[in-house]
Amino acid sequence: MLNANILNQIIAKAWADERFKVRLLADPVTVLVAEGIDFPAGVTVSVVENTATHLNLILPVPPTDLSDDQLDGIGGGFGWCFTL
């Protein structure tokens, strides 16, 4: 299972190790499985890198168990951190 702690460790490793980052970008499933992350059968994984001139925005799957009113009231804890 992917949690924020594991994700942060993988990001830090990619920042510190160029060869790891290249492998992660080229073959994310193999690299992530080697890091101890399991994926259900049929799940594909993409890893993309933000740059100074290109920002990737990921739209998560919307929750199915919340009403429209509940969705309107959700306050996120996400922030932007990038420089151009």
PDB file of N, CA and C in Angstrom:
ATOM      1  N   MET A   1       0.837  -1.180   0.000  1.00  0.00           N
ATOM      2  CA  MET A   1       0.000   0.000   0.000  1.00  0.00           C
ATOM      3  C   MET A   1       0.884   1.246   0.000  1.00  0.00           C
ATOM      4  N   LEU A   2       0.484   2.243  -0.738  1.00  0.00           N
ATOM      5  CA  LEU A   2       1.247   3.479  -0.853  1.00  0.00           C
ATOM      6  C   LEU A   2       0.739   4.472   0.182  1.00  0.00           C
ATOM      7  N   ASN A   3       1.616   4.901   1.073  1.00  0.00           N
ATOM      8  CA  ASN A   3       1.238   5.942   2.017  1.00  0.00           C
ATOM      9  C   ASN A   3       2.198   7.115   1.862  1.00  0.00           C
ATOM     10  N   ALA A   4       1.872   8.218   2.505  1.00  0.00           N
ATOM     11  CA  ALA A   4       2.645   9.443   2.333  1.00  0.00           C
ATOM     12  C   ALA A   4       4.094   9.267   2.764  1.00  0.00           C
ATOM     13  N   ASN A   5       4.340   8.493   3.811  1.00  0.00           N
ATOM     14  CA  ASN A   5       5.699   8.274   4.283  1.00  0.00           C
ATOM     15  C   ASN A   5       6.547   7.581   3.220  1.00  0.00           C
ATOM     16  N   ILE A   6       6.013   6.508   2.662  1.00  0.00           N
ATOM     17  CA  ILE A   6       6.736   5.773   1.617  1.00  0.00           C
ATOM     18  C   ILE A   6       6.919   6.662   0.393  1.00  0.00           C
ATOM     19  N   LEU A   7       5.878   7.372   0.010  1.00  0.00           N
ATOM     20  CA  LEU A   7       5.970   8.269  -1.146  1.00  0.00           C
ATOM     21  C   LEU A   7       7.050   9.314  -0.939  1.00  0.00           C
ATOM     22  N   ASN A   8       7.112   9.918   0.243  1.00  0.00           N
ATOM     23  CA  ASN A   8       8.136  10.922   0.531  1.00  0.00           C
ATOM     24  C   ASN A   8       9.537  10.317   0.460  1.00  0.00           C
ATOM     25  N   GLN A   9       9.707   9.089   0.934  1.00  0.00           N
ATOM     26  CA  GLN A   9      11.004   8.425   0.865  1.00  0.00           C
ATOM     27  C   GLN A   9      11.422   8.171  -0.579  1.00  0.00           C
ATOM     28  N   ILE A  10      10.468   7.770  -1.403  1.00  0.00           N
ATOM     29  CA  ILE A  10      10.772   7.511  -2.817  1.00  0.00           C
ATOM     30  C   ILE A  10      11.138   8.807  -3.532  1.00  0.00           C
ATOM     31  N   ILE A  11      10.408   9.881  -3.254  1.00  0.00           N
ATOM     32  CA  ILE A  11      10.721  11.181  -3.858  1.00  0.00           C
ATOM     33  C   ILE A  11      12.117  11.634  -3.436  1.00  0.00           C
ATOM     34  N   ALA A  12      12.428  11.524  -2.152  1.00  0.00           N
ATOM     35  CA  ALA A  12      13.751  11.929  -1.662  1.00  0.00           C
ATOM     36  C   ALA A  12      14.849  11.097  -2.316  1.00  0.00           C
ATOM     37  N   LYS A  13      14.594   9.806  -2.477  1.00  0.00           N
ATOM     38  CA  LYS A  13      15.582   8.938  -3.115  1.00  0.00           C
ATOM     39  C   LYS A  13      15.787   9.343  -4.576  1.00  0.00           C
ATOM     40  N   ALA A  14      14.712   9.680  -5.272  1.00  0.00           N
ATOM     41  CA  ALA A  14      14.818  10.110  -6.677  1.00  0.00           C
ATOM     42  C   ALA A  14      15.574  11.434  -6.778  1.00  0.00           C
ATOM     43  N   TRP A  15      15.373  12.333  -5.823  1.00  0.00           N
ATOM     44  CA  TRP A  15      16.113  13.599  -5.832  1.00  0.00           C
ATOM     45  C   TRP A  15      17.601  13.373  -5.592  1.00  0.00           C
ATOM     46  N   ALA A  16      17.929  12.405  -4.752  1.00  0.00           N
ATOM     47  CA  ALA A  16      19.319  12.180  -4.361  1.00  0.00           C
ATOM     48  C   ALA A  16      20.079  11.253  -5.310  1.00  0.00           C
ATOM     49  N   ASP A  17      19.360  10.425  -6.045  1.00  0.00           N
ATOM     50  CA  ASP A  17      19.993   9.386  -6.864  1.00  0.00           C
ATOM     51  C   ASP A  17      19.455   9.460  -8.292  1.00  0.00           C
ATOM     52  N   GLU A  18      20.228  10.057  -9.171  1.00  0.00           N
ATOM     53  CA  GLU A  18      19.790  10.265 -10.564  1.00  0.00           C
ATOM     54  C   GLU A  18      19.469   8.948 -11.265  1.00  0.00           C
ATOM     55  N   ARG A  19      20.269   7.911 -11.031  1.00  0.00           N
ATOM     56  CA  ARG A  19      20.003   6.612 -11.677  1.00  0.00           C
ATOM     57  C   ARG A  19      18.678   6.033 -11.207  1.00  0.00           C
ATOM     58  N   PHE A  20      18.373   6.164  -9.913  1.00  0.00           N
ATOM     59  CA  PHE A  20      17.091   5.703  -9.390  1.00  0.00           C
ATOM     60  C   PHE A  20      15.951   6.462 -10.063  1.00  0.00           C
ATOM     61  N   LYS A  21      16.096   7.783 -10.188  1.00  0.00           N
ATOM     62  CA  LYS A  21      15.054   8.604 -10.817  1.00  0.00           C
ATOM     63  C   LYS A  21      14.817   8.185 -12.264  1.00  0.00           C
ATOM     64  N   VAL A  22      15.884   7.946 -13.001  1.00  0.00           N
ATOM     65  CA  VAL A  22      15.760   7.527 -14.401  1.00  0.00           C
ATOM     66  C   VAL A  22      15.000   6.198 -14.482  1.00  0.00           C
ATOM     67  N   ARG A  23      15.355   5.259 -13.609  1.00  0.00           N
ATOM     68  CA  ARG A  23      14.660   3.960 -13.595  1.00  0.00           C
ATOM     69  C   ARG A  23      13.196   4.128 -13.185  1.00  0.00           C
ATOM     70  N   LEU A  24      12.940   4.972 -12.191  1.00  0.00           N
ATOM     71  CA  LEU A  24      11.572   5.215 -11.732  1.00  0.00           C
ATOM     72  C   LEU A  24      10.707   5.798 -12.843  1.00  0.00           C
ATOM     73  N   LEU A  25      11.247   6.734 -13.596  1.00  0.00           N
ATOM     74  CA  LEU A  25      10.507   7.336 -14.707  1.00  0.00           C
ATOM     75  C   LEU A  25      10.282   6.340 -15.841  1.00  0.00           C
ATOM     76  N   ALA A  26      11.262   5.465 -16.083  1.00  0.00           N
ATOM     77  CA  ALA A  26      11.183   4.531 -17.206  1.00  0.00           C
ATOM     78  C   ALA A  26      10.341   3.295 -16.907  1.00  0.00           C
ATOM     79  N   ASP A  27      10.399   2.793 -15.679  1.00  0.00           N
ATOM     80  CA  ASP A  27       9.717   1.545 -15.327  1.00  0.00           C
ATOM     81  C   ASP A  27       9.195   1.629 -13.897  1.00  0.00           C
ATOM     82  N   PRO A  28       8.182   2.473 -13.673  1.00  0.00           N
ATOM     83  CA  PRO A  28       7.747   2.740 -12.307  1.00  0.00           C
ATOM     84  C   PRO A  28       7.255   1.515 -11.533  1.00  0.00           C
ATOM     85  N   VAL A  29       6.535   0.620 -12.168  1.00  0.00           N
ATOM     86  CA  VAL A  29       6.000  -0.529 -11.426  1.00  0.00           C
ATOM     87  C   VAL A  29       7.130  -1.385 -10.873  1.00  0.00           C
ATOM     88  N   THR A  30       8.111  -1.709 -11.706  1.00  0.00           N
ATOM     89  CA  THR A  30       9.228  -2.538 -11.256  1.00  0.00           C
ATOM     90  C   THR A  30       9.971  -1.880 -10.097  1.00  0.00           C
ATOM     91  N   VAL A  31      10.244  -0.591 -10.228  1.00  0.00           N
ATOM     92  CA  VAL A  31      10.981   0.128  -9.191  1.00  0.00           C
ATOM     93  C   VAL A  31      10.152   0.219  -7.908  1.00  0.00           C
ATOM     94  N   LEU A  32       8.875   0.545  -8.021  1.00  0.00           N
ATOM     95  CA  LEU A  32       8.038   0.691  -6.832  1.00  0.00           C
ATOM     96  C   LEU A  32       7.810  -0.646  -6.136  1.00  0.00           C
ATOM     97  N   VAL A  33       7.644  -1.714  -6.887  1.00  0.00           N
ATOM     98  CA  VAL A  33       7.515  -3.045  -6.281  1.00  0.00           C
ATOM     99  C   VAL A  33       8.798  -3.384  -5.529  1.00  0.00           C
ATOM    100  N   ALA A  34       9.960  -3.049  -6.111  1.00  0.00           N
ATOM    101  CA  ALA A  34      11.231  -3.291  -5.439  1.00  0.00           C
ATOM    102  C   ALA A  34      11.359  -2.468  -4.151  1.00  0.00           C
ATOM    103  N   GLU A  35      10.640  -1.349  -4.083  1.00  0.00           N
ATOM    104  CA  GLU A  35      10.639  -0.512  -2.885  1.00  0.00           C
ATOM    105  C   GLU A  35       9.585  -0.962  -1.876  1.00  0.00           C
ATOM    106  N   GLY A  36       8.880  -2.064  -2.182  1.00  0.00           N
ATOM    107  CA  GLY A  36       7.929  -2.625  -1.224  1.00  0.00           C
ATOM    108  C   GLY A  36       6.485  -2.209  -1.411  1.00  0.00           C
ATOM    109  N   ILE A  37       6.159  -1.645  -2.568  1.00  0.00           N
ATOM    110  CA  ILE A  37       4.786  -1.219  -2.832  1.00  0.00           C
ATOM    111  C   ILE A  37       4.105  -2.259  -3.711  1.00  0.00           C
ATOM    112  N   ASP A  38       2.948  -2.724  -3.277  1.00  0.00           N
ATOM    113  CA  ASP A  38       2.174  -3.699  -4.043  1.00  0.00           C
ATOM    114  C   ASP A  38       1.036  -2.993  -4.770  1.00  0.00           C
ATOM    115  N   PHE A  39       0.751  -3.461  -5.977  1.00  0.00           N
ATOM    116  CA  PHE A  39      -0.345  -2.913  -6.767  1.00  0.00           C
ATOM    117  C   PHE A  39      -1.317  -4.032  -7.117  1.00  0.00           C
ATOM    118  N   PRO A  40      -2.611  -3.747  -7.105  1.00  0.00           N
ATOM    119  CA  PRO A  40      -3.578  -4.752  -7.549  1.00  0.00           C
ATOM    120  C   PRO A  40      -3.359  -5.081  -9.024  1.00  0.00           C
ATOM    121  N   ALA A  41      -3.729  -6.282  -9.405  1.00  0.00           N
ATOM    122  CA  ALA A  41      -3.623  -6.694 -10.810  1.00  0.00           C
ATOM    123  C   ALA A  41      -4.395  -5.711 -11.690  1.00  0.00           C
ATOM    124  N   GLY A  42      -3.832  -5.384 -12.825  1.00  0.00           N
ATOM    125  CA  GLY A  42      -4.502  -4.510 -13.778  1.00  0.00           C
ATOM    126  C   GLY A  42      -4.265  -3.023 -13.559  1.00  0.00           C
ATOM    127  N   VAL A  43      -3.544  -2.664 -12.504  1.00  0.00           N
ATOM    128  CA  VAL A  43      -3.266  -1.250 -12.241  1.00  0.00           C
ATOM    129  C   VAL A  43      -2.005  -0.847 -12.990  1.00  0.00           C
ATOM    130  N   THR A  44      -2.078   0.259 -13.720  1.00  0.00           N
ATOM    131  CA  THR A  44      -0.900   0.805 -14.379  1.00  0.00           C
ATOM    132  C   THR A  44      -0.415   2.009 -13.580  1.00  0.00           C
ATOM    133  N   VAL A  45       0.849   2.322 -13.698  1.00  0.00           N
ATOM    134  CA  VAL A  45       1.443   3.417 -12.932  1.00  0.00           C
ATOM    135  C   VAL A  45       2.230   4.308 -13.880  1.00  0.00           C
ATOM    136  N   SER A  46       2.054   5.603 -13.726  1.00  0.00           N
ATOM    137  CA  SER A  46       2.844   6.586 -14.469  1.00  0.00           C
ATOM    138  C   SER A  46       3.554   7.477 -13.464  1.00  0.00           C
ATOM    139  N   VAL A  47       4.798   7.782 -13.747  1.00  0.00           N
ATOM    140  CA  VAL A  47       5.553   8.736 -12.938  1.00  0.00           C
ATOM    141  C   VAL A  47       5.999   9.832 -13.885  1.00  0.00           C
ATOM    142  N   VAL A  48       5.704  11.066 -13.527  1.00  0.00           N
ATOM    143  CA  VAL A  48       6.093  12.217 -14.331  1.00  0.00           C
ATOM    144  C   VAL A  48       6.851  13.185 -13.441  1.00  0.00           C
ATOM    145  N   GLU A  49       7.646  14.022 -14.048  1.00  0.00           N
ATOM    146  CA  GLU A  49       8.472  14.955 -13.290  1.00  0.00           C
ATOM    147  C   GLU A  49       8.108  16.388 -13.657  1.00  0.00           C
ATOM    148  N   ASN A  50       7.840  17.202 -12.644  1.00  0.00           N
ATOM    149  CA  ASN A  50       7.660  18.625 -12.876  1.00  0.00           C
ATOM    150  C   ASN A  50       9.011  19.237 -13.185  1.00  0.00           C
ATOM    151  N   THR A  51       9.009  20.258 -14.015  1.00  0.00           N
ATOM    152  CA  THR A  51      10.232  20.990 -14.329  1.00  0.00           C
ATOM    153  C   THR A  51       9.967  22.476 -14.115  1.00  0.00           C
ATOM    154  N   ALA A  52      10.960  23.288 -14.370  1.00  0.00           N
ATOM    155  CA  ALA A  52      10.786  24.736 -14.221  1.00  0.00           C
ATOM    156  C   ALA A  52       9.774  25.292 -15.214  1.00  0.00           C
ATOM    157  N   THR A  53       9.537  24.558 -16.313  1.00  0.00           N
ATOM    158  CA  THR A  53       8.625  25.066 -17.340  1.00  0.00           C
ATOM    159  C   THR A  53       7.419  24.171 -17.591  1.00  0.00           C
ATOM    160  N   HIS A  54       7.299  23.087 -16.816  1.00  0.00           N
ATOM    161  CA  HIS A  54       6.173  22.173 -17.026  1.00  0.00           C
ATOM    162  C   HIS A  54       5.676  21.654 -15.681  1.00  0.00           C
ATOM    163  N   LEU A  55       4.405  21.919 -15.392  1.00  0.00           N
ATOM    164  CA  LEU A  55       3.787  21.475 -14.153  1.00  0.00           C
ATOM    165  C   LEU A  55       2.727  20.436 -14.481  1.00  0.00           C
ATOM    166  N   ASN A  56       2.787  19.290 -13.836  1.00  0.00           N
ATOM    167  CA  ASN A  56       1.795  18.232 -14.014  1.00  0.00           C
ATOM    168  C   ASN A  56       0.745  18.343 -12.917  1.00  0.00           C
ATOM    169  N   LEU A  57      -0.497  18.310 -13.291  1.00  0.00           N
ATOM    170  CA  LEU A  57      -1.606  18.330 -12.342  1.00  0.00           C
ATOM    171  C   LEU A  57      -2.312  16.986 -12.434  1.00  0.00           C
ATOM    172  N   ILE A  58      -2.429  16.303 -11.320  1.00  0.00           N
ATOM    173  CA  ILE A  58      -3.073  14.996 -11.285  1.00  0.00           C
ATOM    174  C   ILE A  58      -4.470  15.164 -10.702  1.00  0.00           C
ATOM    175  N   LEU A  59      -5.450  14.715 -11.451  1.00  0.00           N
ATOM    176  CA  LEU A  59      -6.828  14.740 -10.966  1.00  0.00           C
ATOM    177  C   LEU A  59      -7.165  13.376 -10.371  1.00  0.00           C
ATOM    178  N   PRO A  60      -7.364  13.302  -9.053  1.00  0.00           N
ATOM    179  CA  PRO A  60      -7.697  12.014  -8.454  1.00  0.00           C
ATOM    180  C   PRO A  60      -9.101  11.571  -8.827  1.00  0.00           C
ATOM    181  N   VAL A  61      -9.347  10.295  -8.643  1.00  0.00           N
ATOM    182  CA  VAL A  61     -10.686   9.755  -8.848  1.00  0.00           C
ATOM    183  C   VAL A  61     -11.595  10.381  -7.799  1.00  0.00           C
ATOM    184  N   PRO A  62     -12.750  10.917  -8.205  1.00  0.00           N
ATOM    185  CA  PRO A  62     -13.627  11.537  -7.200  1.00  0.00           C
ATOM    186  C   PRO A  62     -14.204  10.479  -6.257  1.00  0.00           C
ATOM    187  N   PRO A  63     -14.400  10.856  -4.992  1.00  0.00           N
ATOM    188  CA  PRO A  63     -15.013   9.909  -4.056  1.00  0.00           C
ATOM    189  C   PRO A  63     -16.449   9.619  -4.479  1.00  0.00           C
ATOM    190  N   THR A  64     -16.857   8.394  -4.285  1.00  0.00           N
ATOM    191  CA  THR A  64     -18.213   8.001  -4.693  1.00  0.00           C
ATOM    192  C   THR A  64     -19.166   7.937  -3.522  1.00  0.00           C
ATOM    193  N   ASP A  65     -18.653   8.073  -2.308  1.00  0.00           N
ATOM    194  CA  ASP A  65     -19.506   7.914  -1.144  1.00  0.00           C
ATOM    195  C   ASP A  65     -19.868   9.238  -0.475  1.00  0.00           C
ATOM    196  N   LEU A  66     -19.649  10.370  -1.169  1.00  0.00           N
ATOM    197  CA  LEU A  66     -19.994  11.673  -0.626  1.00  0.00           C
ATOM    198  C   LEU A  66     -21.031  12.360  -1.514  1.00  0.00           C
ATOM    199  N   SER A  67     -21.939  13.079  -0.873  1.00  0.00           N
ATOM    200  CA  SER A  67     -22.939  13.837  -1.627  1.00  0.00           C
ATOM    201  C   SER A  67     -22.285  15.087  -2.207  1.00  0.00           C
ATOM    202  N   ASP A  68     -22.973  15.745  -3.136  1.00  0.00           N
ATOM    203  CA  ASP A  68     -22.451  16.983  -3.708  1.00  0.00           C
ATOM    204  C   ASP A  68     -22.242  18.037  -2.627  1.00  0.00           C
ATOM    205  N   ASP A  69     -23.160  18.124  -1.662  1.00  0.00           N
ATOM    206  CA  ASP A  69     -23.019  19.086  -0.568  1.00  0.00           C
ATOM    207  C   ASP A  69     -21.781  18.779   0.276  1.00  0.00           C
ATOM    208  N   GLN A  70     -21.540  17.499   0.531  1.00  0.00           N
ATOM    209  CA  GLN A  70     -20.355  17.126   1.296  1.00  0.00           C
ATOM    210  C   GLN A  70     -19.077  17.443   0.518  1.00  0.00           C
ATOM    211  N   LEU A  71     -19.096  17.181  -0.784  1.00  0.00           N
ATOM    212  CA  LEU A  71     -17.930  17.489  -1.608  1.00  0.00           C
ATOM    213  C   LEU A  71     -17.644  18.987  -1.614  1.00  0.00           C
ATOM    214  N   ASP A  72     -18.697  19.812  -1.647  1.00  0.00           N
ATOM    215  CA  ASP A  72     -18.520  21.264  -1.637  1.00  0.00           C
ATOM    216  C   ASP A  72     -17.857  21.740  -0.350  1.00  0.00           C
ATOM    217  N   GLY A  73     -18.058  21.016   0.745  1.00  0.00           N
ATOM    218  CA  GLY A  73     -17.522  21.431   2.040  1.00  0.00           C
ATOM    219  C   GLY A  73     -16.143  20.913   2.354  1.00  0.00           C
ATOM    220  N   ILE A  74     -15.570  20.135   1.460  1.00  0.00           N
ATOM    221  CA  ILE A  74     -14.250  19.566   1.733  1.00  0.00           C
ATOM    222  C   ILE A  74     -13.190  20.647   1.581  1.00  0.00           C
ATOM    223  N   GLY A  75     -12.355  20.759   2.595  1.00  0.00           N
ATOM    224  CA  GLY A  75     -11.213  21.671   2.538  1.00  0.00           C
ATOM    225  C   GLY A  75      -9.950  20.840   2.449  1.00  0.00           C
ATOM    226  N   GLY A  76      -9.168  21.061   1.425  1.00  0.00           N
ATOM    227  CA  GLY A  76      -7.967  20.259   1.233  1.00  0.00           C
ATOM    228  C   GLY A  76      -6.782  20.803   2.000  1.00  0.00           C
ATOM    229  N   GLY A  77      -5.796  19.966   2.143  1.00  0.00           N
ATOM    230  CA  GLY A  77      -4.555  20.361   2.784  1.00  0.00           C
ATOM    231  C   GLY A  77      -3.409  20.385   1.800  1.00  0.00           C
ATOM    232  N   PHE A  78      -3.690  20.633   0.555  1.00  0.00           N
ATOM    233  CA  PHE A  78      -2.680  20.590  -0.492  1.00  0.00           C
ATOM    234  C   PHE A  78      -2.183  21.992  -0.791  1.00  0.00           C
ATOM    235  N   GLY A  79      -0.902  22.130  -1.005  1.00  0.00           N
ATOM    236  CA  GLY A  79      -0.347  23.428  -1.364  1.00  0.00           C
ATOM    237  C   GLY A  79       0.547  23.306  -2.579  1.00  0.00           C
ATOM    238  N   TRP A  80       0.756  24.413  -3.246  1.00  0.00           N
ATOM    239  CA  TRP A  80       1.633  24.450  -4.414  1.00  0.00           C
ATOM    240  C   TRP A  80       3.013  24.894  -3.969  1.00  0.00           C
ATOM    241  N   CYS A  81       4.013  24.246  -4.474  1.00  0.00           N
ATOM    242  CA  CYS A  81       5.393  24.637  -4.166  1.00  0.00           C
ATOM    243  C   CYS A  81       6.229  24.430  -5.426  1.00  0.00           C
ATOM    244  N   PHE A  82       6.410  25.494  -6.176  1.00  0.00           N
ATOM    245  CA  PHE A  82       7.253  25.422  -7.360  1.00  0.00           C
ATOM    246  C   PHE A  82       7.727  26.815  -7.723  1.00  0.00           C
ATOM    247  N   THR A  83       8.806  26.869  -8.451  1.00  0.00           N
ATOM    248  CA  THR A  83       9.323  28.147  -8.926  1.00  0.00           C
ATOM    249  C   THR A  83       9.452  28.097 -10.431  1.00  0.00           C
ATOM    250  N   LEU A  84       9.224  29.206 -11.036  1.00  0.00           N
ATOM    251  CA  LEU A  84       9.378  29.321 -12.489  1.00  0.00           C
ATOM    252  C   LEU A  84      10.486  30.279 -12.813  1.00  0.00           C
TER     253      LEU A  84
END
